[in-house]
Amino acid sequence: MPRDTQQKEAIRLAFIKADRPLSVDEIFKLARNEVAGLGIATVYRNLKALQGEKFIQPVDLPGQTCRWEIAPGGHHHHFLCRTCDTIYEIHDCHQDLARLIPEGYTLEEHDILLRGQCKACSQKMKTKKHLGRNNSNTRSLKD
């Protein structure tokens, strides 16, 4: 029977609170808020245990470090913010993908990764552009 420790519960809580896929660094930082002496080796050991318990599953995305998410998540896709490198789950799926494949091919499965800017980063960029425009419209007064 798997042993539940304060460290494992802190890691579980990190996933529940975040409600999105997390990197090992994110898990470490979030869980360390609950258990001050938590070490990175303990995080890795508990990720392996939580995967064995089928509480989490890996999220392997091209060109990215492995992330982890609560399992089973059902069929879903991911959105990667290119600015803050955060991954979010997308629970909607376009149902008509079979029409995209060539005639005679058989679609067995698919994974979709959307890339762009998350809401927070989009807002920051808009604010930055707005502030930049306002600063360029002001004139400096010279004697």
N, C-alpha and C. Protein backbone atom coordinates (compact mmCIF):
# COMPACT_ATOMS: atom_id res chain seq x y z
N MET A 1 0.85 -1.19 0.00
CA MET A 1 0.00 0.00 0.00
C MET A 1 0.88 1.25 0.00
N PRO A 2 0.61 2.20 -0.88
CA PRO A 2 1.44 3.41 -0.95
C PRO A 2 1.33 4.24 0.33
N ARG A 3 2.46 4.79 0.71
CA ARG A 3 2.51 5.60 1.92
C ARG A 3 2.27 7.06 1.58
N ASP A 4 1.34 7.69 2.29
CA ASP A 4 1.10 9.11 2.10
C ASP A 4 1.89 9.89 3.14
N THR A 5 2.68 10.82 2.66
CA THR A 5 3.48 11.65 3.55
C THR A 5 3.05 13.10 3.39
N GLN A 6 3.55 13.92 4.27
CA GLN A 6 3.27 15.36 4.19
C GLN A 6 3.78 15.92 2.86
N GLN A 7 4.93 15.43 2.42
CA GLN A 7 5.51 15.90 1.16
C GLN A 7 4.62 15.50 -0.03
N LYS A 8 4.15 14.24 -0.03
CA LYS A 8 3.31 13.77 -1.13
C LYS A 8 2.00 14.54 -1.14
N GLU A 9 1.44 14.80 0.01
CA GLU A 9 0.19 15.57 0.07
C GLU A 9 0.39 17.00 -0.42
N ALA A 10 1.55 17.59 -0.13
CA ALA A 10 1.85 18.94 -0.62
C ALA A 10 1.95 18.95 -2.14
N ILE A 11 2.52 17.90 -2.71
CA ILE A 11 2.64 17.80 -4.17
C ILE A 11 1.26 17.60 -4.79
N ARG A 12 0.45 16.74 -4.19
CA ARG A 12 -0.93 16.55 -4.65
C ARG A 12 -1.69 17.88 -4.64
N LEU A 13 -1.55 18.60 -3.55
CA LEU A 13 -2.23 19.89 -3.39
C LEU A 13 -1.77 20.89 -4.45
N ALA A 14 -0.49 20.84 -4.82
CA ALA A 14 0.03 21.74 -5.86
C ALA A 14 -0.72 21.52 -7.17
N PHE A 15 -0.94 20.26 -7.53
CA PHE A 15 -1.68 19.95 -8.76
C PHE A 15 -3.13 20.42 -8.67
N ILE A 16 -3.75 20.17 -7.54
CA ILE A 16 -5.16 20.53 -7.38
C ILE A 16 -5.34 22.04 -7.44
N LYS A 17 -4.47 22.77 -6.75
CA LYS A 17 -4.58 24.24 -6.74
C LYS A 17 -4.27 24.84 -8.11
N ALA A 18 -3.25 24.32 -8.79
CA ALA A 18 -2.83 24.89 -10.08
C ALA A 18 -3.87 24.59 -11.16
N ASP A 19 -4.45 23.41 -11.13
CA ASP A 19 -5.47 23.00 -12.11
C ASP A 19 -4.97 23.12 -13.55
N ARG A 20 -3.71 22.75 -13.77
CA ARG A 20 -3.10 22.76 -15.09
C ARG A 20 -1.83 21.93 -15.03
N PRO A 21 -1.29 21.54 -16.18
CA PRO A 21 -0.02 20.80 -16.17
C PRO A 21 1.11 21.63 -15.55
N LEU A 22 1.97 20.95 -14.82
CA LEU A 22 3.06 21.63 -14.12
C LEU A 22 4.42 21.01 -14.45
N SER A 23 5.44 21.85 -14.50
CA SER A 23 6.81 21.36 -14.64
C SER A 23 7.31 20.95 -13.26
N VAL A 24 8.41 20.22 -13.22
CA VAL A 24 8.98 19.81 -11.94
C VAL A 24 9.33 21.04 -11.10
N ASP A 25 9.88 22.07 -11.73
CA ASP A 25 10.22 23.30 -10.99
C ASP A 25 8.98 23.95 -10.38
N GLU A 26 7.89 24.00 -11.14
CA GLU A 26 6.65 24.58 -10.63
C GLU A 26 6.11 23.75 -9.45
N ILE A 27 6.15 22.42 -9.59
CA ILE A 27 5.69 21.54 -8.53
C ILE A 27 6.53 21.77 -7.29
N PHE A 28 7.85 21.83 -7.46
CA PHE A 28 8.77 22.05 -6.35
C PHE A 28 8.46 23.35 -5.61
N LYS A 29 8.29 24.44 -6.36
CA LYS A 29 8.02 25.74 -5.74
C LYS A 29 6.67 25.76 -5.02
N LEU A 30 5.64 25.22 -5.66
CA LEU A 30 4.31 25.21 -5.04
C LEU A 30 4.26 24.33 -3.80
N ALA A 31 4.84 23.14 -3.89
CA ALA A 31 4.82 22.22 -2.75
C ALA A 31 5.71 22.72 -1.61
N ARG A 32 6.76 23.42 -1.96
CA ARG A 32 7.67 23.95 -0.93
C ARG A 32 6.99 25.03 -0.09
N ASN A 33 5.96 25.67 -0.63
CA ASN A 33 5.18 26.63 0.16
C ASN A 33 4.46 25.92 1.30
N GLU A 34 4.16 24.64 1.13
CA GLU A 34 3.46 23.86 2.15
C GLU A 34 4.43 23.14 3.09
N VAL A 35 5.55 22.66 2.53
CA VAL A 35 6.55 21.91 3.30
C VAL A 35 7.90 22.55 3.05
N ALA A 36 8.35 23.37 3.99
CA ALA A 36 9.55 24.19 3.81
C ALA A 36 10.81 23.39 3.49
N GLY A 37 11.01 22.24 4.07
CA GLY A 37 12.25 21.48 3.88
C GLY A 37 12.23 20.54 2.68
N LEU A 38 11.25 20.67 1.83
CA LEU A 38 11.10 19.78 0.68
C LEU A 38 12.30 19.88 -0.25
N GLY A 39 12.82 18.74 -0.67
CA GLY A 39 13.95 18.70 -1.60
C GLY A 39 13.51 18.24 -2.98
N ILE A 40 14.29 18.58 -3.98
CA ILE A 40 13.95 18.24 -5.36
C ILE A 40 13.94 16.72 -5.57
N ALA A 41 14.83 15.98 -4.90
CA ALA A 41 14.86 14.52 -5.03
C ALA A 41 13.55 13.93 -4.49
N THR A 42 13.02 14.50 -3.44
CA THR A 42 11.75 14.05 -2.87
C THR A 42 10.61 14.30 -3.86
N VAL A 43 10.67 15.42 -4.57
CA VAL A 43 9.65 15.72 -5.57
C VAL A 43 9.68 14.64 -6.65
N TYR A 44 10.85 14.34 -7.19
CA TYR A 44 10.97 13.31 -8.24
C TYR A 44 10.48 11.95 -7.74
N ARG A 45 10.87 11.58 -6.52
CA ARG A 45 10.45 10.31 -5.95
C ARG A 45 8.93 10.23 -5.82
N ASN A 46 8.32 11.33 -5.38
CA ASN A 46 6.87 11.36 -5.21
C ASN A 46 6.13 11.45 -6.53
N LEU A 47 6.72 12.08 -7.54
CA LEU A 47 6.10 12.08 -8.87
C LEU A 47 6.01 10.66 -9.41
N LYS A 48 7.08 9.90 -9.21
CA LYS A 48 7.08 8.51 -9.66
C LYS A 48 6.01 7.72 -8.90
N ALA A 49 5.89 7.95 -7.61
CA ALA A 49 4.89 7.25 -6.80
C ALA A 49 3.48 7.65 -7.21
N LEU A 50 3.25 8.94 -7.43
CA LEU A 50 1.92 9.42 -7.82
C LEU A 50 1.55 8.93 -9.21
N GLN A 51 2.54 8.77 -10.08
CA GLN A 51 2.28 8.19 -11.40
C GLN A 51 1.89 6.72 -11.25
N GLY A 52 2.59 6.01 -10.37
CA GLY A 52 2.27 4.60 -10.11
C GLY A 52 0.88 4.43 -9.53
N GLU A 53 0.43 5.41 -8.76
CA GLU A 53 -0.92 5.39 -8.18
C GLU A 53 -1.97 5.89 -9.18
N LYS A 54 -1.50 6.29 -10.36
CA LYS A 54 -2.36 6.81 -11.44
C LYS A 54 -3.07 8.11 -11.04
N PHE A 55 -2.42 8.89 -10.15
CA PHE A 55 -2.94 10.21 -9.79
C PHE A 55 -2.50 11.24 -10.82
N ILE A 56 -1.29 11.07 -11.37
CA ILE A 56 -0.76 11.99 -12.38
C ILE A 56 -0.29 11.21 -13.60
N GLN A 57 -0.13 11.95 -14.70
CA GLN A 57 0.40 11.37 -15.94
C GLN A 57 1.33 12.41 -16.58
N PRO A 58 2.34 11.94 -17.33
CA PRO A 58 3.24 12.88 -17.98
C PRO A 58 2.58 13.55 -19.18
N VAL A 59 3.00 14.77 -19.45
CA VAL A 59 2.58 15.50 -20.65
C VAL A 59 3.85 15.77 -21.43
N ASP A 60 4.03 15.03 -22.51
CA ASP A 60 5.21 15.18 -23.35
C ASP A 60 4.85 16.03 -24.56
N LEU A 61 5.44 17.20 -24.65
CA LEU A 61 5.20 18.10 -25.77
C LEU A 61 6.50 18.35 -26.51
N PRO A 62 6.46 18.42 -27.83
CA PRO A 62 7.68 18.62 -28.62
C PRO A 62 8.45 19.87 -28.18
N GLY A 63 9.74 19.70 -27.94
CA GLY A 63 10.60 20.83 -27.60
C GLY A 63 10.42 21.35 -26.19
N GLN A 64 9.70 20.65 -25.35
CA GLN A 64 9.44 21.11 -23.99
C GLN A 64 9.92 20.07 -22.98
N THR A 65 10.23 20.53 -21.77
CA THR A 65 10.52 19.58 -20.70
C THR A 65 9.21 18.90 -20.31
N CYS A 66 9.31 17.72 -19.78
CA CYS A 66 8.11 16.97 -19.39
C CYS A 66 7.33 17.76 -18.33
N ARG A 67 6.05 17.80 -18.52
CA ARG A 67 5.13 18.38 -17.53
C ARG A 67 4.29 17.24 -16.98
N TRP A 68 3.60 17.51 -15.91
CA TRP A 68 2.75 16.50 -15.27
C TRP A 68 1.37 17.08 -15.05
N GLU A 69 0.35 16.23 -15.18
CA GLU A 69 -1.02 16.68 -14.94
C GLU A 69 -1.80 15.58 -14.23
N ILE A 70 -2.89 15.98 -13.60
CA ILE A 70 -3.75 15.03 -12.92
C ILE A 70 -4.35 14.08 -13.95
N ALA A 71 -4.38 12.80 -13.62
CA ALA A 71 -4.92 11.76 -14.53
C ALA A 71 -6.18 11.18 -13.91
N PRO A 72 -7.05 10.58 -14.64
CA PRO A 72 -7.13 10.69 -16.09
C PRO A 72 -7.83 12.00 -16.46
N GLY A 73 -7.26 12.69 -17.38
CA GLY A 73 -7.83 13.97 -17.78
C GLY A 73 -8.85 13.85 -18.89
N GLY A 74 -9.07 12.65 -19.38
CA GLY A 74 -9.95 12.52 -20.53
C GLY A 74 -9.28 13.11 -21.75
N HIS A 75 -9.93 13.02 -22.88
CA HIS A 75 -9.34 13.55 -24.11
C HIS A 75 -9.30 15.07 -24.05
N HIS A 76 -8.13 15.63 -24.22
CA HIS A 76 -7.97 17.08 -24.24
C HIS A 76 -6.67 17.43 -24.96
N HIS A 77 -6.49 18.71 -25.18
CA HIS A 77 -5.29 19.22 -25.85
C HIS A 77 -4.64 20.26 -24.94
N HIS A 78 -3.58 20.88 -25.44
CA HIS A 78 -2.85 21.83 -24.61
C HIS A 78 -2.58 23.13 -25.35
N PHE A 79 -2.48 24.20 -24.57
CA PHE A 79 -2.12 25.53 -25.08
C PHE A 79 -0.84 25.93 -24.36
N LEU A 80 0.19 26.29 -25.12
CA LEU A 80 1.47 26.71 -24.57
C LEU A 80 1.62 28.22 -24.76
N CYS A 81 1.78 28.94 -23.65
CA CYS A 81 2.05 30.37 -23.75
C CYS A 81 3.53 30.54 -24.06
N ARG A 82 3.82 31.16 -25.17
CA ARG A 82 5.21 31.35 -25.60
C ARG A 82 5.94 32.41 -24.78
N THR A 83 5.19 33.22 -24.06
CA THR A 83 5.82 34.27 -23.26
C THR A 83 6.23 33.77 -21.88
N CYS A 84 5.30 33.14 -21.16
CA CYS A 84 5.60 32.69 -19.79
C CYS A 84 5.87 31.19 -19.69
N ASP A 85 5.77 30.47 -20.81
CA ASP A 85 6.06 29.03 -20.88
C ASP A 85 5.10 28.20 -20.02
N THR A 86 3.90 28.70 -19.80
CA THR A 86 2.90 27.98 -19.03
C THR A 86 2.03 27.17 -19.98
N ILE A 87 1.65 25.97 -19.53
CA ILE A 87 0.80 25.10 -20.34
C ILE A 87 -0.57 25.01 -19.68
N TYR A 88 -1.60 25.12 -20.50
CA TYR A 88 -2.98 25.04 -20.05
C TYR A 88 -3.69 23.92 -20.80
N GLU A 89 -4.67 23.31 -20.14
CA GLU A 89 -5.46 22.28 -20.80
C GLU A 89 -6.59 22.92 -21.59
N ILE A 90 -6.84 22.39 -22.77
CA ILE A 90 -7.96 22.79 -23.62
C ILE A 90 -8.88 21.58 -23.71
N HIS A 91 -10.08 21.70 -23.18
CA HIS A 91 -10.97 20.55 -23.11
C HIS A 91 -11.91 20.42 -24.29
N ASP A 92 -11.87 21.36 -25.20
CA ASP A 92 -12.71 21.27 -26.39
C ASP A 92 -11.88 20.61 -27.49
N CYS A 93 -12.52 19.86 -28.33
CA CYS A 93 -11.81 19.19 -29.41
C CYS A 93 -12.62 19.30 -30.68
N HIS A 94 -11.97 19.68 -31.74
CA HIS A 94 -12.62 19.76 -33.04
C HIS A 94 -12.94 18.34 -33.49
N GLN A 95 -14.18 18.04 -33.69
CA GLN A 95 -14.61 16.67 -33.97
C GLN A 95 -14.45 16.23 -35.42
N ASP A 96 -14.19 17.15 -36.31
CA ASP A 96 -14.16 16.82 -37.73
C ASP A 96 -12.72 16.71 -38.27
N LEU A 97 -11.82 16.14 -37.49
CA LEU A 97 -10.43 16.04 -37.92
C LEU A 97 -10.23 15.02 -39.04
N ALA A 98 -11.09 14.03 -39.12
CA ALA A 98 -10.93 12.99 -40.14
C ALA A 98 -10.96 13.57 -41.56
N ARG A 99 -11.65 14.68 -41.75
CA ARG A 99 -11.71 15.28 -43.08
C ARG A 99 -10.38 15.90 -43.51
N LEU A 100 -9.47 16.09 -42.56
CA LEU A 100 -8.17 16.69 -42.87
C LEU A 100 -7.17 15.69 -43.43
N ILE A 101 -7.39 14.41 -43.19
CA ILE A 101 -6.42 13.41 -43.64
C ILE A 101 -6.71 13.00 -45.08
N PRO A 102 -5.68 12.57 -45.79
CA PRO A 102 -5.87 12.17 -47.19
C PRO A 102 -6.81 10.96 -47.32
N GLU A 103 -7.43 10.87 -48.47
CA GLU A 103 -8.36 9.77 -48.74
C GLU A 103 -7.63 8.44 -48.63
N GLY A 104 -8.27 7.49 -48.00
CA GLY A 104 -7.70 6.17 -47.83
C GLY A 104 -6.89 6.00 -46.55
N TYR A 105 -6.57 7.10 -45.86
CA TYR A 105 -5.84 7.03 -44.60
C TYR A 105 -6.85 6.78 -43.48
N THR A 106 -6.37 6.24 -42.37
CA THR A 106 -7.21 6.00 -41.21
C THR A 106 -6.65 6.76 -40.02
N LEU A 107 -7.44 7.63 -39.45
CA LEU A 107 -7.04 8.39 -38.27
C LEU A 107 -7.23 7.52 -37.03
N GLU A 108 -6.15 7.33 -36.27
CA GLU A 108 -6.23 6.51 -35.07
C GLU A 108 -6.23 7.34 -33.80
N GLU A 109 -5.48 8.41 -33.79
CA GLU A 109 -5.44 9.30 -32.63
C GLU A 109 -4.83 10.63 -33.06
N HIS A 110 -4.93 11.61 -32.20
CA HIS A 110 -4.34 12.91 -32.51
C HIS A 110 -3.98 13.64 -31.22
N ASP A 111 -3.01 14.52 -31.33
CA ASP A 111 -2.61 15.42 -30.25
C ASP A 111 -2.47 16.80 -30.88
N ILE A 112 -3.04 17.79 -30.22
CA ILE A 112 -2.96 19.15 -30.75
C ILE A 112 -2.33 20.04 -29.68
N LEU A 113 -1.32 20.79 -30.09
CA LEU A 113 -0.68 21.77 -29.22
C LEU A 113 -0.91 23.15 -29.85
N LEU A 114 -1.62 23.99 -29.15
CA LEU A 114 -1.84 25.37 -29.60
C LEU A 114 -0.78 26.23 -28.93
N ARG A 115 -0.25 27.19 -29.66
CA ARG A 115 0.79 28.09 -29.12
C ARG A 115 0.35 29.53 -29.30
N GLY A 116 0.70 30.35 -28.35
CA GLY A 116 0.37 31.77 -28.43
C GLY A 116 0.67 32.44 -27.11
N GLN A 117 -0.16 33.40 -26.73
CA GLN A 117 0.00 34.09 -25.46
C GLN A 117 -1.23 33.86 -24.60
N CYS A 118 -1.01 33.55 -23.32
CA CYS A 118 -2.11 33.38 -22.39
C CYS A 118 -2.75 34.75 -22.11
N LYS A 119 -3.86 34.74 -21.43
CA LYS A 119 -4.60 35.97 -21.16
C LYS A 119 -3.75 36.98 -20.39
N ALA A 120 -3.05 36.51 -19.36
CA ALA A 120 -2.23 37.43 -18.54
C ALA A 120 -1.12 38.07 -19.37
N CYS A 121 -0.44 37.27 -20.18
CA CYS A 121 0.65 37.81 -21.01
C CYS A 121 0.12 38.72 -22.12
N SER A 122 -1.04 38.37 -22.69
CA SER A 122 -1.66 39.24 -23.70
C SER A 122 -1.99 40.60 -23.10
N GLN A 123 -2.52 40.59 -21.89
CA GLN A 123 -2.86 41.85 -21.21
C GLN A 123 -1.60 42.68 -20.95
N LYS A 124 -0.53 42.02 -20.51
CA LYS A 124 0.73 42.73 -20.26
C LYS A 124 1.26 43.37 -21.54
N MET A 125 1.17 42.64 -22.65
CA MET A 125 1.65 43.17 -23.93
C MET A 125 0.81 44.36 -24.38
N LYS A 126 -0.50 44.27 -24.19
CA LYS A 126 -1.38 45.39 -24.57
C LYS A 126 -1.07 46.61 -23.73
N THR A 127 -0.86 46.39 -22.43
CA THR A 127 -0.54 47.50 -21.53
C THR A 127 0.80 48.12 -21.91
N LYS A 128 1.78 47.27 -22.21
CA LYS A 128 3.11 47.74 -22.60
C LYS A 128 3.03 48.60 -23.87
N LYS A 129 2.28 48.10 -24.86
CA LYS A 129 2.13 48.84 -26.11
C LYS A 129 1.42 50.17 -25.87
N HIS A 130 0.38 50.13 -25.03
CA HIS A 130 -0.37 51.34 -24.73
C HIS A 130 0.52 52.36 -24.03
N LEU A 131 1.31 51.91 -23.06
CA LEU A 131 2.21 52.82 -22.35
C LEU A 131 3.28 53.36 -23.29
N GLY A 132 3.78 52.52 -24.18
CA GLY A 132 4.80 52.96 -25.15
C GLY A 132 4.26 54.02 -26.08
N ARG A 133 3.01 53.88 -26.49
CA ARG A 133 2.37 54.86 -27.37
C ARG A 133 2.20 56.19 -26.64
N ASN A 134 1.78 56.12 -25.39
CA ASN A 134 1.58 57.35 -24.62
C ASN A 134 2.89 58.07 -24.38
N ASN A 135 3.96 57.32 -24.13
CA ASN A 135 5.26 57.94 -23.90
C ASN A 135 5.80 58.57 -25.17
N SER A 136 5.52 57.99 -26.33
CA SER A 136 6.03 58.56 -27.58
C SER A 136 5.22 59.79 -28.00
N ASN A 137 4.03 59.95 -27.46
CA ASN A 137 3.21 61.10 -27.80
C ASN A 137 3.49 62.31 -26.93
N THR A 138 4.25 62.15 -25.87
CA THR A 138 4.56 63.29 -25.00
C THR A 138 5.80 63.97 -25.52
N ARG A 139 5.82 65.26 -25.44
CA ARG A 139 6.96 66.05 -25.91
C ARG A 139 7.77 66.51 -24.72
N SER A 140 9.06 66.54 -24.90
CA SER A 140 9.88 67.09 -23.83
C SER A 140 10.02 68.59 -24.08
N LEU A 141 9.92 69.32 -23.00
CA LEU A 141 10.05 70.78 -23.11
C LEU A 141 11.49 71.18 -22.91
N LYS A 142 12.02 71.97 -23.84
CA LYS A 142 13.39 72.44 -23.73
C LYS A 142 13.35 73.96 -23.51
N ASP A 143 14.33 74.45 -22.82
CA ASP A 143 14.41 75.91 -22.57
C ASP A 143 14.64 76.69 -23.81
